[in-house]
Amino acid sequence: MLGNFQQSQLRIEIEASATAIKNSLLRPAKLEKWLPSGRFASGMPEELHPGFEFTSSAGPIQVHHYVDLVGSDCLRLILSKGIDGFHEWYWGEGWVQSRLEGVSMLPLSLGQTLSLLSLRQFLIVKGE
């Protein structure tokens, strides 16, 4: 894989319940509404579960996601293709944290920041 090793960890406050945050991260129907890369292929489950695989796009670059872990307050995705690494999410009442590590030519911390801000905006507008 060409690119640079990058790592970033961000935590933000969100005026939303832990359940609303969880649903926004684990339910593809909600995930594609706020995730900047958006639209997933058909055949997505109602909720992400370990072992499920899907691909998203960051512009012309595709990123393959393997759902490694789903817990009551966490999600870990193993990434390949455009990013070789992992993305972990943790959440609780009023906050969400994202940890991203990988090798890529993409500016990972910028994408991570935009994703968190988009999630916050989605939860504020939807009032979930």
N, C-alpha and C. Protein backbone atom coordinates (compact mmCIF):
# COMPACT_ATOMS: atom_id res chain seq x y z
N MET A 1 0.84 -1.18 0.00
CA MET A 1 0.00 0.00 0.00
C MET A 1 0.88 1.24 0.00
N LEU A 2 0.61 2.13 -0.91
CA LEU A 2 1.32 3.40 -0.94
C LEU A 2 0.64 4.39 -0.02
N GLY A 3 1.41 5.26 0.55
CA GLY A 3 0.86 6.29 1.42
C GLY A 3 1.67 6.40 2.68
N ASN A 4 1.13 7.17 3.60
CA ASN A 4 1.79 7.41 4.88
C ASN A 4 0.99 6.79 6.00
N PHE A 5 1.71 6.33 7.04
CA PHE A 5 1.03 5.86 8.24
C PHE A 5 0.48 7.09 8.96
N GLN A 6 -0.81 7.02 9.28
CA GLN A 6 -1.46 8.14 9.97
C GLN A 6 -2.29 7.59 11.12
N GLN A 7 -2.41 8.39 12.16
CA GLN A 7 -3.28 8.02 13.27
C GLN A 7 -3.92 9.27 13.84
N SER A 8 -5.15 9.11 14.27
CA SER A 8 -5.88 10.25 14.80
C SER A 8 -6.94 9.74 15.77
N GLN A 9 -7.13 10.48 16.83
CA GLN A 9 -8.17 10.14 17.79
C GLN A 9 -8.88 11.43 18.17
N LEU A 10 -10.19 11.45 17.95
CA LEU A 10 -10.99 12.64 18.24
C LEU A 10 -12.19 12.25 19.09
N ARG A 11 -12.56 13.14 19.98
CA ARG A 11 -13.75 12.94 20.81
C ARG A 11 -14.51 14.27 20.83
N ILE A 12 -15.82 14.19 20.58
CA ILE A 12 -16.63 15.41 20.61
C ILE A 12 -17.88 15.17 21.45
N GLU A 13 -18.42 16.27 21.93
CA GLU A 13 -19.70 16.21 22.62
C GLU A 13 -20.81 16.36 21.59
N ILE A 14 -21.87 15.61 21.79
CA ILE A 14 -23.04 15.67 20.91
C ILE A 14 -24.27 15.67 21.80
N GLU A 15 -25.18 16.59 21.55
CA GLU A 15 -26.41 16.62 22.33
C GLU A 15 -27.35 15.53 21.82
N ALA A 16 -27.03 14.29 22.21
CA ALA A 16 -27.82 13.13 21.78
C ALA A 16 -27.62 12.01 22.79
N SER A 17 -28.59 11.13 22.83
CA SER A 17 -28.49 9.98 23.73
C SER A 17 -27.51 8.96 23.16
N ALA A 18 -27.02 8.10 24.03
CA ALA A 18 -26.13 7.02 23.59
C ALA A 18 -26.84 6.13 22.58
N THR A 19 -28.13 5.91 22.77
CA THR A 19 -28.90 5.08 21.84
C THR A 19 -28.98 5.71 20.46
N ALA A 20 -29.22 7.03 20.39
CA ALA A 20 -29.29 7.72 19.10
C ALA A 20 -27.94 7.67 18.39
N ILE A 21 -26.86 7.84 19.13
CA ILE A 21 -25.53 7.79 18.54
C ILE A 21 -25.27 6.37 18.02
N LYS A 22 -25.57 5.37 18.84
CA LYS A 22 -25.38 3.97 18.44
C LYS A 22 -26.14 3.66 17.16
N ASN A 23 -27.41 4.04 17.11
CA ASN A 23 -28.22 3.77 15.92
C ASN A 23 -27.67 4.47 14.68
N SER A 24 -27.13 5.66 14.85
CA SER A 24 -26.57 6.41 13.72
C SER A 24 -25.29 5.78 13.19
N LEU A 25 -24.60 5.03 14.03
CA LEU A 25 -23.36 4.37 13.62
C LEU A 25 -23.58 2.94 13.12
N LEU A 26 -24.55 2.24 13.70
CA LEU A 26 -24.71 0.82 13.38
C LEU A 26 -25.80 0.52 12.35
N ARG A 27 -26.68 1.45 12.08
CA ARG A 27 -27.76 1.21 11.12
C ARG A 27 -27.43 1.89 9.79
N PRO A 28 -27.13 1.09 8.77
CA PRO A 28 -26.73 1.66 7.47
C PRO A 28 -27.72 2.67 6.90
N ALA A 29 -29.02 2.50 7.14
CA ALA A 29 -30.00 3.47 6.63
C ALA A 29 -29.76 4.86 7.20
N LYS A 30 -29.28 4.93 8.45
CA LYS A 30 -28.95 6.22 9.05
C LYS A 30 -27.52 6.62 8.72
N LEU A 31 -26.63 5.66 8.72
CA LEU A 31 -25.21 5.91 8.46
C LEU A 31 -25.00 6.59 7.12
N GLU A 32 -25.71 6.14 6.09
CA GLU A 32 -25.50 6.74 4.77
C GLU A 32 -26.08 8.14 4.66
N LYS A 33 -26.92 8.55 5.62
CA LYS A 33 -27.48 9.91 5.59
C LYS A 33 -26.49 10.95 6.10
N TRP A 34 -25.57 10.56 6.97
CA TRP A 34 -24.64 11.56 7.51
C TRP A 34 -23.19 11.33 7.08
N LEU A 35 -22.84 10.12 6.70
CA LEU A 35 -21.46 9.83 6.32
C LEU A 35 -21.13 10.55 5.01
N PRO A 36 -20.09 11.39 4.99
CA PRO A 36 -19.78 12.15 3.78
C PRO A 36 -19.64 11.30 2.52
N SER A 37 -19.11 10.07 2.65
CA SER A 37 -18.98 9.23 1.46
C SER A 37 -20.32 8.65 1.03
N GLY A 38 -21.29 8.66 1.95
CA GLY A 38 -22.68 8.30 1.63
C GLY A 38 -22.91 6.95 1.00
N ARG A 39 -23.91 6.83 0.25
CA ARG A 39 -24.50 5.67 -0.42
C ARG A 39 -23.71 4.35 -0.37
N PHE A 40 -24.45 3.33 0.07
CA PHE A 40 -23.91 1.97 0.10
C PHE A 40 -24.61 1.14 -0.96
N ALA A 41 -24.00 0.03 -1.30
CA ALA A 41 -24.62 -0.90 -2.25
C ALA A 41 -25.85 -1.54 -1.60
N SER A 42 -26.71 -2.08 -2.42
CA SER A 42 -27.88 -2.77 -1.88
C SER A 42 -27.41 -4.02 -1.12
N GLY A 43 -28.27 -4.52 -0.28
CA GLY A 43 -27.93 -5.72 0.48
C GLY A 43 -27.35 -5.44 1.84
N MET A 44 -27.40 -4.20 2.28
CA MET A 44 -26.91 -3.88 3.62
C MET A 44 -27.92 -4.40 4.65
N PRO A 45 -27.43 -4.90 5.78
CA PRO A 45 -28.35 -5.38 6.81
C PRO A 45 -29.01 -4.20 7.53
N GLU A 46 -30.01 -4.48 8.33
CA GLU A 46 -30.65 -3.42 9.11
C GLU A 46 -29.66 -2.83 10.11
N GLU A 47 -28.78 -3.70 10.64
CA GLU A 47 -27.78 -3.24 11.60
C GLU A 47 -26.47 -3.98 11.33
N LEU A 48 -25.35 -3.26 11.43
CA LEU A 48 -24.04 -3.88 11.21
C LEU A 48 -23.79 -4.96 12.26
N HIS A 49 -23.12 -6.04 11.86
CA HIS A 49 -22.81 -7.14 12.77
C HIS A 49 -21.43 -7.68 12.41
N PRO A 50 -20.76 -8.31 13.39
CA PRO A 50 -19.42 -8.84 13.12
C PRO A 50 -19.42 -9.79 11.92
N GLY A 51 -18.40 -9.64 11.09
CA GLY A 51 -18.25 -10.47 9.91
C GLY A 51 -18.83 -9.87 8.65
N PHE A 52 -19.66 -8.84 8.79
CA PHE A 52 -20.25 -8.21 7.60
C PHE A 52 -19.19 -7.35 6.90
N GLU A 53 -19.24 -7.32 5.57
CA GLU A 53 -18.29 -6.55 4.78
C GLU A 53 -19.03 -5.65 3.81
N PHE A 54 -18.50 -4.44 3.61
CA PHE A 54 -19.08 -3.52 2.64
C PHE A 54 -18.00 -2.57 2.15
N THR A 55 -18.31 -1.87 1.08
CA THR A 55 -17.36 -0.93 0.48
C THR A 55 -18.00 0.44 0.39
N SER A 56 -17.23 1.47 0.71
CA SER A 56 -17.67 2.85 0.54
C SER A 56 -16.64 3.56 -0.34
N SER A 57 -16.96 4.75 -0.76
CA SER A 57 -16.05 5.50 -1.62
C SER A 57 -15.71 6.85 -0.98
N ALA A 58 -14.45 7.21 -1.08
CA ALA A 58 -13.98 8.53 -0.69
C ALA A 58 -13.51 9.17 -1.99
N GLY A 59 -14.45 9.81 -2.66
CA GLY A 59 -14.16 10.31 -4.00
C GLY A 59 -13.94 9.12 -4.92
N PRO A 60 -12.86 9.11 -5.68
CA PRO A 60 -12.61 7.98 -6.59
C PRO A 60 -11.99 6.76 -5.90
N ILE A 61 -11.68 6.89 -4.62
CA ILE A 61 -10.99 5.81 -3.90
C ILE A 61 -12.00 4.99 -3.09
N GLN A 62 -11.97 3.68 -3.31
CA GLN A 62 -12.86 2.79 -2.57
C GLN A 62 -12.16 2.31 -1.30
N VAL A 63 -12.97 2.19 -0.24
CA VAL A 63 -12.48 1.67 1.03
C VAL A 63 -13.34 0.47 1.41
N HIS A 64 -12.69 -0.66 1.62
CA HIS A 64 -13.39 -1.88 2.03
C HIS A 64 -13.43 -1.91 3.56
N HIS A 65 -14.59 -2.23 4.12
CA HIS A 65 -14.80 -2.28 5.57
C HIS A 65 -15.18 -3.71 5.97
N TYR A 66 -14.52 -4.23 6.98
CA TYR A 66 -14.88 -5.50 7.58
C TYR A 66 -15.28 -5.20 9.02
N VAL A 67 -16.51 -5.54 9.39
CA VAL A 67 -16.99 -5.27 10.75
C VAL A 67 -16.37 -6.32 11.67
N ASP A 68 -15.43 -5.88 12.49
CA ASP A 68 -14.69 -6.78 13.37
C ASP A 68 -15.37 -6.95 14.72
N LEU A 69 -15.91 -5.87 15.26
CA LEU A 69 -16.48 -5.91 16.61
C LEU A 69 -17.65 -4.94 16.69
N VAL A 70 -18.74 -5.38 17.29
CA VAL A 70 -19.88 -4.52 17.60
C VAL A 70 -20.23 -4.78 19.05
N GLY A 71 -20.22 -3.73 19.85
CA GLY A 71 -20.59 -3.84 21.26
C GLY A 71 -21.69 -2.86 21.59
N SER A 72 -22.07 -2.82 22.84
CA SER A 72 -23.14 -1.90 23.26
C SER A 72 -22.69 -0.45 23.18
N ASP A 73 -21.37 -0.22 23.18
CA ASP A 73 -20.85 1.15 23.11
C ASP A 73 -19.62 1.27 22.22
N CYS A 74 -19.45 0.32 21.28
CA CYS A 74 -18.27 0.39 20.42
C CYS A 74 -18.49 -0.33 19.09
N LEU A 75 -17.69 0.07 18.12
CA LEU A 75 -17.68 -0.52 16.78
C LEU A 75 -16.25 -0.46 16.27
N ARG A 76 -15.75 -1.60 15.75
CA ARG A 76 -14.41 -1.60 15.15
C ARG A 76 -14.51 -2.14 13.73
N LEU A 77 -13.97 -1.37 12.79
CA LEU A 77 -13.94 -1.74 11.38
C LEU A 77 -12.50 -1.93 10.94
N ILE A 78 -12.23 -3.03 10.25
CA ILE A 78 -10.91 -3.25 9.65
C ILE A 78 -11.02 -2.73 8.21
N LEU A 79 -10.09 -1.87 7.82
CA LEU A 79 -10.14 -1.20 6.52
C LEU A 79 -9.08 -1.74 5.58
N SER A 80 -9.43 -1.78 4.29
CA SER A 80 -8.45 -2.17 3.28
C SER A 80 -8.77 -1.43 1.98
N LYS A 81 -7.97 -1.64 0.98
CA LYS A 81 -8.00 -0.94 -0.30
C LYS A 81 -7.48 0.48 -0.12
N GLY A 82 -8.30 1.52 -0.12
CA GLY A 82 -7.84 2.91 -0.05
C GLY A 82 -7.21 3.28 1.28
N ILE A 83 -7.52 2.52 2.33
CA ILE A 83 -6.93 2.71 3.66
C ILE A 83 -6.64 1.33 4.20
N ASP A 84 -5.42 1.08 4.60
CA ASP A 84 -5.08 -0.19 5.26
C ASP A 84 -4.91 0.10 6.74
N GLY A 85 -5.91 -0.29 7.53
CA GLY A 85 -5.84 -0.02 8.96
C GLY A 85 -7.15 -0.36 9.64
N PHE A 86 -7.53 0.46 10.61
CA PHE A 86 -8.77 0.23 11.34
C PHE A 86 -9.40 1.54 11.77
N HIS A 87 -10.70 1.47 12.06
CA HIS A 87 -11.45 2.62 12.57
C HIS A 87 -12.29 2.12 13.73
N GLU A 88 -12.08 2.70 14.90
CA GLU A 88 -12.85 2.34 16.09
C GLU A 88 -13.73 3.51 16.50
N TRP A 89 -14.93 3.17 16.91
CA TRP A 89 -15.88 4.15 17.43
C TRP A 89 -16.27 3.75 18.84
N TYR A 90 -16.34 4.73 19.73
CA TYR A 90 -16.84 4.54 21.09
C TYR A 90 -17.84 5.65 21.35
N TRP A 91 -18.87 5.38 22.15
CA TRP A 91 -19.86 6.41 22.42
C TRP A 91 -20.48 6.21 23.79
N GLY A 92 -21.13 7.27 24.24
CA GLY A 92 -21.85 7.26 25.50
C GLY A 92 -22.87 8.38 25.47
N GLU A 93 -23.45 8.65 26.59
CA GLU A 93 -24.47 9.70 26.69
C GLU A 93 -23.83 11.06 26.43
N GLY A 94 -24.12 11.65 25.27
CA GLY A 94 -23.64 12.99 24.95
C GLY A 94 -22.24 13.10 24.36
N TRP A 95 -21.63 11.99 23.97
CA TRP A 95 -20.29 12.06 23.38
C TRP A 95 -20.05 10.90 22.42
N VAL A 96 -19.11 11.12 21.51
CA VAL A 96 -18.65 10.07 20.59
C VAL A 96 -17.15 10.26 20.37
N GLN A 97 -16.45 9.13 20.24
CA GLN A 97 -15.01 9.16 20.04
C GLN A 97 -14.67 8.27 18.86
N SER A 98 -13.74 8.74 18.04
CA SER A 98 -13.32 8.02 16.85
C SER A 98 -11.80 7.88 16.87
N ARG A 99 -11.34 6.66 16.65
CA ARG A 99 -9.89 6.40 16.57
C ARG A 99 -9.61 5.74 15.23
N LEU A 100 -8.72 6.34 14.48
CA LEU A 100 -8.44 5.89 13.12
C LEU A 100 -6.93 5.75 12.94
N GLU A 101 -6.50 4.59 12.45
CA GLU A 101 -5.09 4.36 12.15
C GLU A 101 -5.00 3.63 10.83
N GLY A 102 -4.06 4.03 10.01
CA GLY A 102 -3.88 3.31 8.77
C GLY A 102 -2.87 3.95 7.85
N VAL A 103 -2.59 3.24 6.79
CA VAL A 103 -1.70 3.71 5.73
C VAL A 103 -2.59 4.12 4.56
N SER A 104 -2.43 5.35 4.11
CA SER A 104 -3.25 5.85 3.03
C SER A 104 -2.63 7.10 2.44
N MET A 105 -3.05 7.40 1.22
CA MET A 105 -2.68 8.67 0.61
C MET A 105 -3.72 9.73 0.95
N LEU A 106 -4.88 9.30 1.46
CA LEU A 106 -5.94 10.23 1.86
C LEU A 106 -5.55 10.94 3.15
N PRO A 107 -6.01 12.18 3.35
CA PRO A 107 -5.77 12.88 4.62
C PRO A 107 -6.78 12.38 5.67
N LEU A 108 -6.41 11.34 6.41
CA LEU A 108 -7.35 10.66 7.29
C LEU A 108 -7.92 11.55 8.39
N SER A 109 -7.11 12.39 9.01
CA SER A 109 -7.64 13.21 10.10
C SER A 109 -8.67 14.22 9.59
N LEU A 110 -8.50 14.71 8.37
CA LEU A 110 -9.48 15.63 7.80
C LEU A 110 -10.81 14.90 7.57
N GLY A 111 -10.76 13.72 6.97
CA GLY A 111 -11.97 12.94 6.75
C GLY A 111 -12.65 12.56 8.05
N GLN A 112 -11.86 12.23 9.05
CA GLN A 112 -12.40 11.87 10.36
C GLN A 112 -13.11 13.06 11.00
N THR A 113 -12.49 14.23 10.93
CA THR A 113 -13.11 15.44 11.49
C THR A 113 -14.42 15.76 10.78
N LEU A 114 -14.41 15.70 9.45
CA LEU A 114 -15.64 15.97 8.69
C LEU A 114 -16.74 14.97 9.04
N SER A 115 -16.38 13.71 9.23
CA SER A 115 -17.36 12.69 9.59
C SER A 115 -17.98 12.97 10.95
N LEU A 116 -17.17 13.32 11.93
CA LEU A 116 -17.70 13.61 13.26
C LEU A 116 -18.60 14.84 13.26
N LEU A 117 -18.21 15.88 12.53
CA LEU A 117 -19.04 17.07 12.45
C LEU A 117 -20.35 16.79 11.72
N SER A 118 -20.28 15.94 10.70
CA SER A 118 -21.48 15.55 9.96
C SER A 118 -22.43 14.73 10.85
N LEU A 119 -21.87 13.83 11.64
CA LEU A 119 -22.68 13.05 12.59
C LEU A 119 -23.35 13.97 13.59
N ARG A 120 -22.60 14.92 14.14
CA ARG A 120 -23.18 15.86 15.11
C ARG A 120 -24.32 16.63 14.48
N GLN A 121 -24.12 17.14 13.28
CA GLN A 121 -25.15 17.91 12.59
C GLN A 121 -26.38 17.05 12.33
N PHE A 122 -26.19 15.83 11.88
CA PHE A 122 -27.30 14.90 11.62
C PHE A 122 -28.13 14.70 12.87
N LEU A 123 -27.48 14.47 13.99
CA LEU A 123 -28.20 14.21 15.25
C LEU A 123 -28.92 15.47 15.75
N ILE A 124 -28.35 16.63 15.53
CA ILE A 124 -29.01 17.87 15.94
C ILE A 124 -30.26 18.12 15.08
N VAL A 125 -30.12 17.97 13.78
CA VAL A 125 -31.24 18.22 12.85
C VAL A 125 -32.33 17.19 13.03
N LYS A 126 -31.96 15.93 13.14
CA LYS A 126 -32.95 14.85 13.27
C LYS A 126 -33.55 14.80 14.68
N GLY A 127 -32.84 15.39 15.65
CA GLY A 127 -33.34 15.39 17.02
C GLY A 127 -33.53 14.00 17.60
N GLU A 128 -32.66 13.10 17.24
CA GLU A 128 -32.81 11.71 17.70
C GLU A 128 -32.13 11.48 19.01
